[in-house]
Amino acid sequence: MPSLLKEWLARSSTALRFVLPVLLLLCVVRLWLLPLRSGFWVDEMVTAFVVQHGSSDPSLAIAPQVTKSIYYVLPKAAIAMFGSSELVYRLPSLILAGIALIFVTLIARRLIRRDAGWFAVFACFGLRSLDYEAGDARPYALGICVAAGALLFLIRWLDDGRLSDGALFVIFAAMLWRVQLVYWPVYIVFALYAIVRVLKRDTGPSPLGVAVLFAIVGLTLIPVLLDALPLFREARAHVIVELPDVREIWNSLKIGLFLTCGLGALAFAYLFDLPRVLQRPQAPTVVILLGWWLCAPVGLFAMSWITGNSLFVQRYMSESLPGTALGATLAASLFLPSGFWKPAAAMLGLGILLFTRAPHQASDWRAASKAIHQLGITADTPVIVPSPFIEARSPVWTPDYALPGFLYCHLDYYPVQGKLLLFPFEGAPEGRSYAKELVETTLSSSPRFVIYGGDLSVRIWRDWFQDQPQFEGWRERSLGQFGDVEAVVFERTVDSSSAARIEFGQP
């Protein structure tokens, strides 16, 4: 190694003790803390509804999968301690994402290189999905943390055979499926990794001990399985996305991070003329890291097509995100020898800080409800509110659906003024007959009315009302840009008022 390179490494080592923590802090602030200021999206308002009304609220019976999570005790505890706000609801996810980074660091140090921890941490920040879950008041940061913890303690137990690590693995593995019922693919990784270690005779505990521990985990999961089976039979009623195609599974694999880390490490190695003789990763390491990376996308893709009920939703694959970051770190390890990981981590962290866009909330229900308030509408102004939930169909949905209720939980957290007219999800047929009745009895006699909801639902009903002859000449305008939420107002003009009197035979 050239003497100049040795001298540079010696000097940079001291500086990096300060640079790396500063880069970490800046990444946390920019990618995790600043987005916390945004309003809730609709599923976060489900969290608030469950916390405020309890999982036994009768309106939640239509979506029993919503309450099948141990997550809700965390925001409930946070609200009890600090009061209710969007920030407080998101605080548990923020803390759990930070703990997950610690687990990722320890796994990287144990499986890849002892000085690869910082690199793996910054690779996590390169995943916008993980950054998003750090500020999302939903169970997914808890799932990320528990999956990472379970794998860490499994690795440590298989290495050293300490009873404490085995017990912690059982606890974390028992928790994971209770966080989110779609997190089953990672259990395949647990089993595969243990099998490979046993076959290679590379375990602290005996093969019988491994079998017993996994049997204990299986027993703890039987109650969850019994709860999940009835939900599986009615899964079609809750499907929110189409069956995935090859392009979608390709995008879910986050290949860009692998290329950035692998090719970046290769360029770093050539730039500094680093030694080419590097240690190849061991088979168990490849199994656990690549399996963790692939388990959720491949598992949910296969299950979606086998059952015909698509579960291929990005947040449902969140437990595999630390595996993605560690897999990218493993790719970098093919080119980076020991002693060069911290400078490479600093370069990756700086690149993440400069070029990774902070996750932003696509749904601004808070601003949309505020815009309706600013209209100055009266208590008798009709406000049409389509439900954002696919479950809002007959017979569960009716025009006199009781509020507060799950199907309109956004009205509970961000209330709006006016006379609320509750519509079903998007263009459900039962909504049209109700809309026709309203046109004759309520809407056409009102000087204006508002439609407020998800953008697709609002557009469906906006177009429908525009086609009704009673609203010929009325003016329709949007109240602003609110991401995938819309609020539009229909207002009577002088000409349309005259036309309406003629339509109904008035002088």
Protein backbone atom coordinates (compact mmCIF):
# COMPACT_ATOMS: atom_id res chain seq x y z
CA MET A 1 0.00 0.00 0.00
CA PRO A 2 1.45 3.39 -0.92
CA SER A 3 2.76 5.37 2.02
CA LEU A 4 0.62 8.39 1.09
CA LEU A 5 -2.49 6.24 1.34
CA LYS A 6 -1.42 4.97 4.76
CA GLU A 7 -0.83 8.53 5.93
CA TRP A 8 -4.24 9.62 4.61
CA LEU A 9 -5.97 6.75 6.39
CA ALA A 10 -4.21 7.60 9.67
CA ARG A 11 -5.32 11.22 9.44
CA SER A 12 -8.86 10.43 8.32
CA SER A 13 -9.40 7.91 11.12
CA THR A 14 -9.35 10.67 13.73
CA ALA A 15 -11.52 12.99 11.67
CA LEU A 16 -14.08 10.28 10.93
CA ARG A 17 -14.75 9.82 14.63
CA PHE A 18 -16.51 13.18 14.41
CA VAL A 19 -17.62 13.19 10.76
CA LEU A 20 -19.61 9.95 10.87
CA PRO A 21 -21.77 10.89 13.91
CA VAL A 22 -22.41 14.32 12.39
CA LEU A 23 -23.47 12.78 9.08
CA LEU A 24 -25.73 10.39 10.98
CA LEU A 25 -27.33 13.26 12.89
CA LEU A 26 -27.89 15.24 9.68
CA CYS A 27 -29.47 12.22 7.98
CA VAL A 28 -31.78 11.68 10.96
CA VAL A 29 -32.84 15.33 10.97
CA ARG A 30 -33.34 15.65 7.22
CA LEU A 31 -34.84 12.24 6.41
CA TRP A 32 -36.63 11.32 9.64
CA LEU A 33 -37.40 14.40 11.74
CA LEU A 34 -38.39 17.09 9.24
CA PRO A 35 -41.14 14.96 7.58
CA LEU A 36 -42.80 14.55 10.99
CA ARG A 37 -44.43 17.95 10.53
CA SER A 38 -46.83 16.63 7.89
CA GLY A 39 -50.44 15.70 8.57
CA PHE A 40 -51.69 12.15 8.88
CA TRP A 41 -52.47 9.93 5.91
CA VAL A 42 -55.60 7.84 6.16
CA ASP A 43 -54.07 4.74 7.82
CA GLU A 44 -52.47 6.91 10.49
CA MET A 45 -55.93 8.21 11.26
CA VAL A 46 -56.95 4.57 11.68
CA THR A 47 -54.24 4.34 14.35
CA ALA A 48 -55.66 7.41 16.07
CA PHE A 49 -59.17 5.94 15.86
CA VAL A 50 -58.12 2.62 17.41
CA VAL A 51 -56.19 4.41 20.18
CA GLN A 52 -59.04 6.81 20.97
CA HIS A 53 -61.98 4.40 20.67
CA GLY A 54 -60.39 1.04 21.44
CA SER A 55 -60.05 -2.10 19.35
CA SER A 56 -63.47 -3.29 20.52
CA ASP A 57 -65.29 -0.41 18.80
CA PRO A 58 -68.19 -2.03 16.87
CA SER A 59 -67.37 -0.17 13.64
CA LEU A 60 -64.02 -2.00 13.42
CA ALA A 61 -65.76 -5.37 13.06
CA ILE A 62 -65.86 -4.91 9.27
CA ALA A 63 -62.03 -4.85 9.14
CA PRO A 64 -60.85 -7.23 11.89
CA GLN A 65 -57.33 -7.34 10.45
CA VAL A 66 -56.84 -3.72 11.48
CA THR A 67 -56.75 -4.48 15.19
CA LYS A 68 -54.73 -7.70 14.96
CA SER A 69 -51.51 -5.99 16.03
CA ILE A 70 -49.70 -5.46 19.29
CA TYR A 71 -48.50 -2.12 17.92
CA TYR A 72 -51.32 0.02 19.28
CA VAL A 73 -50.12 -0.16 22.89
CA LEU A 74 -47.15 2.02 21.86
CA PRO A 75 -48.96 5.11 20.51
CA LYS A 76 -51.49 4.72 23.32
CA ALA A 77 -48.68 4.91 25.87
CA ALA A 78 -47.09 7.86 24.04
CA ILE A 79 -50.38 9.78 24.02
CA ALA A 80 -50.89 9.07 27.72
CA MET A 81 -47.47 10.53 28.51
CA PHE A 82 -47.20 13.47 26.11
CA GLY A 83 -50.69 14.31 24.87
CA SER A 84 -52.24 13.88 21.44
CA SER A 85 -50.54 15.22 18.30
CA GLU A 86 -49.23 13.87 15.01
CA LEU A 87 -45.67 14.07 16.35
CA VAL A 88 -46.46 12.09 19.50
CA TYR A 89 -48.30 9.40 17.54
CA ARG A 90 -45.21 9.00 15.35
CA LEU A 91 -42.71 9.05 18.21
CA PRO A 92 -42.74 5.25 18.81
CA SER A 93 -41.91 4.57 15.14
CA LEU A 94 -39.04 7.05 15.28
CA ILE A 95 -37.55 5.39 18.37
CA LEU A 96 -38.05 1.88 16.98
CA ALA A 97 -36.34 2.81 13.70
CA GLY A 98 -33.36 4.04 15.72
CA ILE A 99 -33.21 0.75 17.66
CA ALA A 100 -33.41 -1.13 14.34
CA LEU A 101 -30.29 0.75 13.18
CA ILE A 102 -28.45 -0.52 16.25
CA PHE A 103 -29.49 -4.09 15.44
CA VAL A 104 -28.40 -3.62 11.81
CA THR A 105 -25.01 -2.32 12.96
CA LEU A 106 -24.46 -5.32 15.21
CA ILE A 107 -25.48 -7.77 12.45
CA ALA A 108 -23.13 -6.10 9.95
CA ARG A 109 -20.23 -6.25 12.41
CA ARG A 110 -20.86 -9.92 13.12
CA LEU A 111 -21.58 -11.21 9.60
CA ILE A 112 -19.75 -8.91 7.18
CA ARG A 113 -16.83 -6.95 8.67
CA ARG A 114 -16.20 -5.62 12.16
CA ASP A 115 -15.93 -2.08 10.74
CA ALA A 116 -18.92 -2.35 8.34
CA GLY A 117 -21.49 -1.05 10.82
CA TRP A 118 -21.45 2.60 9.75
CA PHE A 119 -21.74 1.63 6.10
CA ALA A 120 -24.81 -0.54 6.81
CA VAL A 121 -26.45 2.28 8.76
CA PHE A 122 -26.10 4.77 5.91
CA ALA A 123 -27.33 2.11 3.48
CA CYS A 124 -30.53 2.03 5.57
CA PHE A 125 -30.98 5.77 5.07
CA GLY A 126 -30.68 5.15 1.32
CA LEU A 127 -34.02 3.29 1.43
CA ARG A 128 -36.83 5.85 1.19
CA SER A 129 -39.32 3.18 2.31
CA LEU A 130 -37.42 2.74 5.56
CA ASP A 131 -37.08 6.51 6.01
CA TYR A 132 -40.83 6.82 5.53
CA GLU A 133 -41.68 4.17 8.12
CA ALA A 134 -39.51 5.96 10.69
CA GLY A 135 -42.10 8.72 10.72
CA ASP A 136 -45.29 6.72 10.12
CA ALA A 137 -47.78 6.11 12.94
CA ARG A 138 -48.33 2.53 11.77
CA PRO A 139 -46.91 -0.87 12.83
CA TYR A 140 -44.19 -1.09 10.19
CA ALA A 141 -41.26 0.46 12.09
CA LEU A 142 -42.05 -1.95 14.91
CA GLY A 143 -41.94 -4.81 12.40
CA ILE A 144 -38.59 -3.62 11.02
CA CYS A 145 -37.16 -3.45 14.53
CA VAL A 146 -38.53 -6.81 15.69
CA ALA A 147 -37.38 -8.63 12.53
CA ALA A 148 -33.88 -7.19 12.89
CA GLY A 149 -33.79 -8.06 16.58
CA ALA A 150 -34.98 -11.62 16.00
CA LEU A 151 -32.29 -12.24 13.37
CA LEU A 152 -29.57 -10.69 15.51
CA PHE A 153 -30.40 -12.87 18.51
CA LEU A 154 -30.72 -15.97 16.32
CA ILE A 155 -27.24 -15.33 14.90
CA ARG A 156 -25.78 -14.78 18.35
CA TRP A 157 -27.47 -17.87 19.78
CA LEU A 158 -26.27 -20.09 16.94
CA ASP A 159 -22.76 -18.65 17.37
CA ASP A 160 -22.38 -18.89 21.12
CA GLY A 161 -25.32 -20.94 22.44
CA ARG A 162 -26.10 -18.46 25.24
CA LEU A 163 -29.50 -19.12 26.77
CA SER A 164 -30.26 -15.38 26.98
CA ASP A 165 -29.86 -14.96 23.22
CA GLY A 166 -32.06 -17.99 22.57
CA ALA A 167 -34.75 -16.61 24.87
CA LEU A 168 -34.61 -13.21 23.18
CA PHE A 169 -34.93 -14.85 19.76
CA VAL A 170 -38.05 -16.70 20.92
CA ILE A 171 -39.56 -13.46 22.28
CA PHE A 172 -38.83 -11.43 19.14
CA ALA A 173 -39.91 -14.23 16.78
CA ALA A 174 -43.14 -14.67 18.74
CA MET A 175 -43.79 -10.92 18.52
CA LEU A 176 -43.17 -10.48 14.80
CA TRP A 177 -46.30 -12.13 13.44
CA ARG A 178 -48.30 -10.32 16.11
CA VAL A 179 -47.09 -7.00 14.73
CA GLN A 180 -48.47 -7.58 11.24
CA LEU A 181 -50.04 -10.75 9.81
CA VAL A 182 -48.26 -10.34 6.46
CA TYR A 183 -44.83 -10.71 8.07
CA TRP A 184 -44.78 -14.52 7.73
CA PRO A 185 -42.07 -14.71 4.96
CA VAL A 186 -39.22 -13.85 7.32
CA TYR A 187 -39.86 -17.03 9.32
CA ILE A 188 -38.64 -18.93 6.25
CA VAL A 189 -35.33 -17.06 6.58
CA PHE A 190 -35.06 -18.01 10.26
CA ALA A 191 -35.48 -21.67 9.37
CA LEU A 192 -33.18 -21.66 6.32
CA TYR A 193 -30.36 -19.98 8.20
CA ALA A 194 -30.61 -22.43 11.09
CA ILE A 195 -30.70 -25.41 8.72
CA VAL A 196 -27.58 -24.23 6.86
CA ARG A 197 -25.73 -23.68 10.13
CA VAL A 198 -26.71 -27.16 11.38
CA LEU A 199 -25.72 -28.84 8.11
CA LYS A 200 -22.34 -27.12 8.24
CA ARG A 201 -21.98 -28.20 11.88
CA ASP A 202 -21.37 -24.58 12.75
CA THR A 203 -23.61 -24.03 15.78
CA GLY A 204 -23.01 -23.51 19.47
CA PRO A 205 -26.16 -25.42 20.46
CA SER A 206 -26.75 -29.01 19.36
CA PRO A 207 -29.07 -29.83 16.43
CA LEU A 208 -31.60 -31.08 18.99
CA GLY A 209 -31.38 -27.76 20.84
CA VAL A 210 -32.02 -25.89 17.59
CA ALA A 211 -35.05 -28.07 16.87
CA VAL A 212 -36.44 -27.53 20.36
CA LEU A 213 -36.04 -23.76 20.16
CA PHE A 214 -37.84 -23.58 16.82
CA ALA A 215 -40.57 -25.85 18.17
CA ILE A 216 -41.10 -23.38 21.02
CA VAL A 217 -41.39 -20.52 18.52
CA GLY A 218 -43.93 -22.58 16.54
CA LEU A 219 -46.04 -23.17 19.64
CA THR A 220 -46.11 -19.46 20.45
CA LEU A 221 -47.44 -18.76 16.95
CA ILE A 222 -50.36 -21.21 17.02
CA PRO A 223 -52.81 -18.64 18.49
CA VAL A 224 -51.83 -16.17 15.76
CA LEU A 225 -52.39 -18.81 13.09
CA LEU A 226 -55.84 -19.59 14.46
CA ASP A 227 -56.67 -15.86 14.33
CA ALA A 228 -55.27 -15.48 10.82
CA LEU A 229 -57.13 -18.35 9.13
CA PRO A 230 -60.61 -16.78 9.29
CA LEU A 231 -59.17 -13.50 8.01
CA PHE A 232 -57.51 -15.30 5.12
CA ARG A 233 -60.87 -16.71 4.01
CA GLU A 234 -62.34 -13.22 3.67
CA ALA A 235 -59.16 -11.56 2.33
CA ARG A 236 -60.74 -10.71 -1.03
CA ALA A 237 -63.03 -8.15 0.64
CA HIS A 238 -59.98 -6.16 1.80
CA VAL A 239 -57.77 -6.25 -1.32
CA ILE A 240 -56.65 -2.73 -2.27
CA VAL A 241 -54.23 -3.34 -5.17
CA GLU A 242 -54.12 -5.30 -8.42
CA LEU A 243 -52.04 -8.45 -8.84
CA PRO A 244 -48.35 -7.49 -9.24
CA ASP A 245 -46.38 -7.86 -12.45
CA VAL A 246 -42.67 -8.47 -13.03
CA ARG A 247 -41.93 -4.74 -13.14
CA GLU A 248 -43.39 -4.26 -9.66
CA ILE A 249 -41.37 -7.05 -8.08
CA TRP A 250 -38.24 -5.69 -9.78
CA ASN A 251 -38.88 -2.24 -8.29
CA SER A 252 -39.49 -3.77 -4.85
CA LEU A 253 -36.00 -5.30 -4.80
CA LYS A 254 -34.28 -1.87 -4.59
CA ILE A 255 -31.57 -2.89 -7.03
CA GLY A 256 -30.39 0.73 -7.20
CA LEU A 257 -29.03 0.54 -3.65
CA PHE A 258 -27.08 -2.63 -4.48
CA LEU A 259 -25.59 -0.99 -7.57
CA THR A 260 -24.75 2.19 -5.65
CA CYS A 261 -22.99 0.32 -2.85
CA GLY A 262 -21.36 -2.40 -4.96
CA LEU A 263 -20.19 -0.27 -7.87
CA GLY A 264 -19.33 2.60 -5.54
CA ALA A 265 -17.10 0.29 -3.50
CA LEU A 266 -15.50 -0.99 -6.69
CA ALA A 267 -14.77 2.58 -7.85
CA PHE A 268 -13.40 3.39 -4.39
CA ALA A 269 -11.11 0.37 -4.58
CA TYR A 270 -9.74 1.34 -7.99
CA LEU A 271 -9.40 4.98 -7.04
CA PHE A 272 -7.15 4.14 -4.09
CA ASP A 273 -5.59 1.04 -5.66
CA LEU A 274 -6.76 -1.16 -2.78
CA PRO A 275 -5.65 -4.79 -2.30
CA ARG A 276 -7.61 -7.22 -4.48
CA VAL A 277 -7.38 -10.30 -2.27
CA LEU A 278 -10.62 -10.14 -0.29
CA GLN A 279 -12.37 -12.73 1.85
CA ARG A 280 -15.42 -14.31 0.24
CA PRO A 281 -18.63 -14.28 2.34
CA GLN A 282 -19.55 -17.57 3.99
CA ALA A 283 -22.61 -19.51 2.81
CA PRO A 284 -24.72 -18.90 5.97
CA THR A 285 -24.10 -15.16 5.64
CA VAL A 286 -25.26 -15.19 2.04
CA VAL A 287 -28.34 -17.25 2.97
CA ILE A 288 -29.49 -14.99 5.78
CA LEU A 289 -28.79 -11.62 4.13
CA LEU A 290 -30.03 -12.40 0.64
CA GLY A 291 -32.91 -14.41 2.08
CA TRP A 292 -33.89 -11.46 4.28
CA TRP A 293 -33.71 -9.18 1.26
CA LEU A 294 -35.82 -11.42 -0.98
CA CYS A 295 -38.23 -13.10 1.43
CA ALA A 296 -41.01 -10.53 1.55
CA PRO A 297 -41.08 -9.42 -2.12
CA VAL A 298 -40.86 -12.97 -3.45
CA GLY A 299 -43.15 -14.44 -0.78
CA LEU A 300 -45.93 -11.88 -1.20
CA PHE A 301 -45.61 -11.93 -5.00
CA ALA A 302 -46.05 -15.71 -5.02
CA MET A 303 -48.90 -15.69 -2.50
CA SER A 304 -50.72 -12.95 -4.40
CA TRP A 305 -50.72 -14.98 -7.60
CA ILE A 306 -51.47 -18.32 -5.92
CA THR A 307 -54.48 -17.01 -4.02
CA GLY A 308 -55.63 -14.32 -6.45
CA ASN A 309 -55.71 -11.82 -3.55
CA SER A 310 -52.95 -9.27 -3.96
CA LEU A 311 -50.88 -8.50 -0.87
CA PHE A 312 -48.14 -6.83 -2.87
CA VAL A 313 -48.09 -3.51 -1.04
CA GLN A 314 -44.75 -1.84 -0.35
CA ARG A 315 -45.35 -1.31 3.35
CA TYR A 316 -46.25 -4.99 3.77
CA MET A 317 -42.66 -5.81 2.78
CA SER A 318 -41.10 -3.46 5.31
CA GLU A 319 -39.61 -6.22 7.49
CA SER A 320 -37.18 -7.03 4.65
CA LEU A 321 -35.77 -3.49 4.39
CA PRO A 322 -32.86 -4.00 6.84
CA GLY A 323 -31.98 -7.12 4.84
CA THR A 324 -31.85 -4.98 1.71
CA ALA A 325 -29.41 -2.56 3.34
CA LEU A 326 -27.27 -5.39 4.67
CA GLY A 327 -27.33 -7.15 1.30
CA ALA A 328 -26.04 -3.95 -0.29
CA THR A 329 -23.33 -3.81 2.39
CA LEU A 330 -22.42 -7.40 1.54
CA ALA A 331 -22.08 -6.36 -2.11
CA ALA A 332 -19.66 -3.60 -1.06
CA SER A 333 -17.65 -6.11 0.99
CA LEU A 334 -16.57 -7.84 -2.23
CA PHE A 335 -14.32 -4.85 -2.96
CA LEU A 336 -13.59 -3.12 0.37
CA PRO A 337 -10.93 -4.60 2.66
CA SER A 338 -10.73 -3.87 6.36
CA GLY A 339 -9.52 -0.39 7.20
CA PHE A 340 -11.41 1.30 4.38
CA TRP A 341 -14.99 0.90 5.57
CA LYS A 342 -15.28 4.13 7.53
CA PRO A 343 -14.06 6.40 4.69
CA ALA A 344 -16.41 4.55 2.33
CA ALA A 345 -19.24 4.95 4.84
CA ALA A 346 -18.58 8.69 5.05
CA MET A 347 -18.77 8.98 1.27
CA LEU A 348 -22.01 6.96 1.22
CA GLY A 349 -23.49 9.04 4.05
CA LEU A 350 -22.61 12.28 2.29
CA GLY A 351 -24.15 11.00 -0.92
CA ILE A 352 -27.33 9.95 0.90
CA LEU A 353 -27.54 13.34 2.57
CA LEU A 354 -27.12 15.23 -0.72
CA PHE A 355 -29.09 13.11 -3.15
CA THR A 356 -31.76 11.17 -1.24
CA ARG A 357 -35.10 12.96 -1.22
CA ALA A 358 -36.81 13.17 2.13
CA PRO A 359 -40.01 11.10 2.17
CA HIS A 360 -43.09 13.27 2.01
CA GLN A 361 -46.68 12.55 2.86
CA ALA A 362 -48.77 12.05 -0.28
CA SER A 363 -52.04 12.66 1.59
CA ASP A 364 -52.76 16.03 3.18
CA TRP A 365 -56.12 15.54 4.87
CA ARG A 366 -55.20 18.21 7.41
CA ALA A 367 -54.77 20.93 4.78
CA ALA A 368 -57.86 19.82 2.87
CA SER A 369 -60.06 20.00 5.96
CA LYS A 370 -58.59 23.41 6.78
CA ALA A 371 -59.43 24.64 3.27
CA ILE A 372 -63.05 23.58 3.79
CA HIS A 373 -63.16 25.45 7.08
CA GLN A 374 -61.84 28.55 5.33
CA LEU A 375 -64.81 28.50 2.96
CA GLY A 376 -66.91 29.75 5.85
CA ILE A 377 -69.64 27.22 5.16
CA THR A 378 -72.70 27.02 7.40
CA ALA A 379 -73.96 24.02 9.33
CA ASP A 380 -76.53 23.21 6.62
CA THR A 381 -74.07 23.32 3.68
CA PRO A 382 -73.94 19.78 2.20
CA VAL A 383 -70.50 18.14 2.36
CA ILE A 384 -70.29 14.87 0.42
CA VAL A 385 -67.73 12.52 1.99
CA PRO A 386 -66.89 9.27 0.14
CA SER A 387 -65.24 6.74 2.44
CA PRO A 388 -61.55 6.05 1.70
CA PHE A 389 -61.97 2.39 2.68
CA ILE A 390 -62.87 -0.44 0.32
CA GLU A 391 -65.06 -1.96 3.07
CA ALA A 392 -67.51 0.95 2.72
CA ARG A 393 -70.13 -0.95 0.70
CA SER A 394 -73.59 -2.30 1.43
CA PRO A 395 -74.74 -3.73 3.74
CA VAL A 396 -72.13 -2.26 6.11
CA TRP A 397 -72.36 1.17 4.52
CA THR A 398 -75.62 3.06 4.76
CA PRO A 399 -76.36 6.79 4.34
CA ASP A 400 -77.03 7.01 8.08
CA TYR A 401 -73.77 5.30 9.09
CA ALA A 402 -73.10 6.22 12.72
CA LEU A 403 -70.27 8.65 13.43
CA PRO A 404 -67.63 8.44 14.73
CA GLY A 405 -66.88 5.22 12.89
CA PHE A 406 -63.99 3.40 11.24
CA LEU A 407 -65.19 3.98 7.65
CA TYR A 408 -64.91 7.76 8.15
CA CYS A 409 -62.16 7.95 10.78
CA HIS A 410 -60.60 10.93 8.96
CA LEU A 411 -63.61 12.98 10.03
CA ASP A 412 -62.86 12.05 13.62
CA TYR A 413 -59.28 13.39 13.58
CA TYR A 414 -59.70 16.24 11.06
CA PRO A 415 -63.37 17.24 11.39
CA VAL A 416 -65.09 19.47 8.85
CA GLN A 417 -68.09 21.78 9.17
CA GLY A 418 -71.31 21.44 7.23
CA LYS A 419 -74.02 18.82 6.79
CA LEU A 420 -72.11 15.57 6.24
CA LEU A 421 -73.47 13.28 3.52
CA LEU A 422 -71.69 9.94 3.76
CA PHE A 423 -70.99 8.13 0.47
CA PRO A 424 -69.59 4.62 -0.07
CA PHE A 425 -66.11 3.80 -1.38
CA GLU A 426 -65.45 5.27 -4.86
CA GLY A 427 -68.15 4.41 -7.39
CA ALA A 428 -70.12 1.73 -5.53
CA PRO A 429 -73.53 1.30 -7.26
CA GLU A 430 -75.47 1.89 -4.07
CA GLY A 431 -74.01 5.37 -3.97
CA ARG A 432 -75.61 6.43 -7.26
CA SER A 433 -79.18 5.89 -6.12
CA TYR A 434 -78.40 7.82 -2.96
CA ALA A 435 -76.80 10.61 -5.01
CA LYS A 436 -79.87 10.86 -7.28
CA GLU A 437 -82.08 11.19 -4.23
CA LEU A 438 -79.86 13.94 -2.84
CA VAL A 439 -79.92 15.85 -6.13
CA GLU A 440 -83.71 16.06 -5.96
CA THR A 441 -84.05 16.74 -2.24
CA THR A 442 -80.98 18.56 -0.96
CA LEU A 443 -78.22 19.53 -3.37
CA SER A 444 -80.06 21.35 -6.15
CA SER A 445 -81.77 23.63 -3.63
CA SER A 446 -78.54 24.53 -1.86
CA PRO A 447 -76.43 27.49 -3.02
CA ARG A 448 -73.32 25.29 -2.89
CA PHE A 449 -71.99 21.92 -1.77
CA VAL A 450 -68.57 20.36 -1.22
CA ILE A 451 -67.09 16.99 -2.17
CA TYR A 452 -64.22 15.91 0.09
CA GLY A 453 -62.21 12.68 0.01
CA GLY A 454 -59.58 10.66 -1.86
CA ASP A 455 -58.75 12.09 -5.27
CA LEU A 456 -60.20 9.20 -7.28
CA SER A 457 -63.47 9.18 -5.34
CA VAL A 458 -63.84 12.94 -5.61
CA ARG A 459 -63.21 12.90 -9.36
CA ILE A 460 -65.76 10.13 -9.87
CA TRP A 461 -68.46 12.10 -8.07
CA ARG A 462 -67.38 15.46 -9.48
CA ASP A 463 -67.81 14.12 -13.01
CA TRP A 464 -71.13 12.49 -12.11
CA PHE A 465 -72.59 15.69 -10.66
CA GLN A 466 -71.32 17.73 -13.60
CA ASP A 467 -73.37 15.47 -15.90
CA GLN A 468 -76.61 16.08 -14.00
CA PRO A 469 -78.89 18.64 -15.74
CA GLN A 470 -79.82 20.23 -12.41
CA PHE A 471 -76.25 21.57 -12.15
CA GLU A 472 -75.97 22.99 -15.62
CA GLY A 473 -74.25 26.35 -15.35
CA TRP A 474 -72.99 25.75 -11.82
CA ARG A 475 -69.37 26.63 -11.15
CA GLU A 476 -67.02 23.91 -9.87
CA ARG A 477 -63.58 24.68 -8.44
CA SER A 478 -60.86 22.90 -6.51
CA LEU A 479 -59.88 24.17 -3.08
CA GLY A 480 -56.18 23.46 -3.57
CA GLN A 481 -53.49 20.80 -3.98
CA PHE A 482 -53.57 18.17 -1.23
CA GLY A 483 -51.65 15.25 -2.73
CA ASP A 484 -54.00 12.32 -3.27
CA VAL A 485 -56.77 14.08 -1.35
CA GLU A 486 -59.17 16.48 -3.05
CA ALA A 487 -61.80 18.98 -2.01
CA VAL A 488 -64.01 20.66 -4.63
CA VAL A 489 -66.93 23.00 -4.25
CA PHE A 490 -69.97 23.33 -6.54
CA GLU A 491 -71.51 26.82 -6.44
CA ARG A 492 -74.69 28.10 -7.96
CA THR A 493 -74.37 31.07 -10.31
CA VAL A 494 -77.07 33.63 -11.11
CA ASP A 495 -77.83 32.01 -14.48
CA SER A 496 -78.03 28.53 -13.01
CA SER A 497 -80.39 29.79 -10.31
CA SER A 498 -82.78 31.02 -13.00
CA ALA A 499 -82.43 27.75 -14.90
CA ALA A 500 -83.21 25.80 -11.73
CA ARG A 501 -86.47 27.75 -11.17
CA ILE A 502 -87.56 26.96 -14.73
CA GLU A 503 -86.54 23.28 -14.29
CA PHE A 504 -88.86 22.94 -11.28
CA GLY A 505 -91.67 25.03 -12.74
CA GLN A 506 -91.14 28.16 -10.66
CA PRO A 507 -91.79 31.67 -12.09
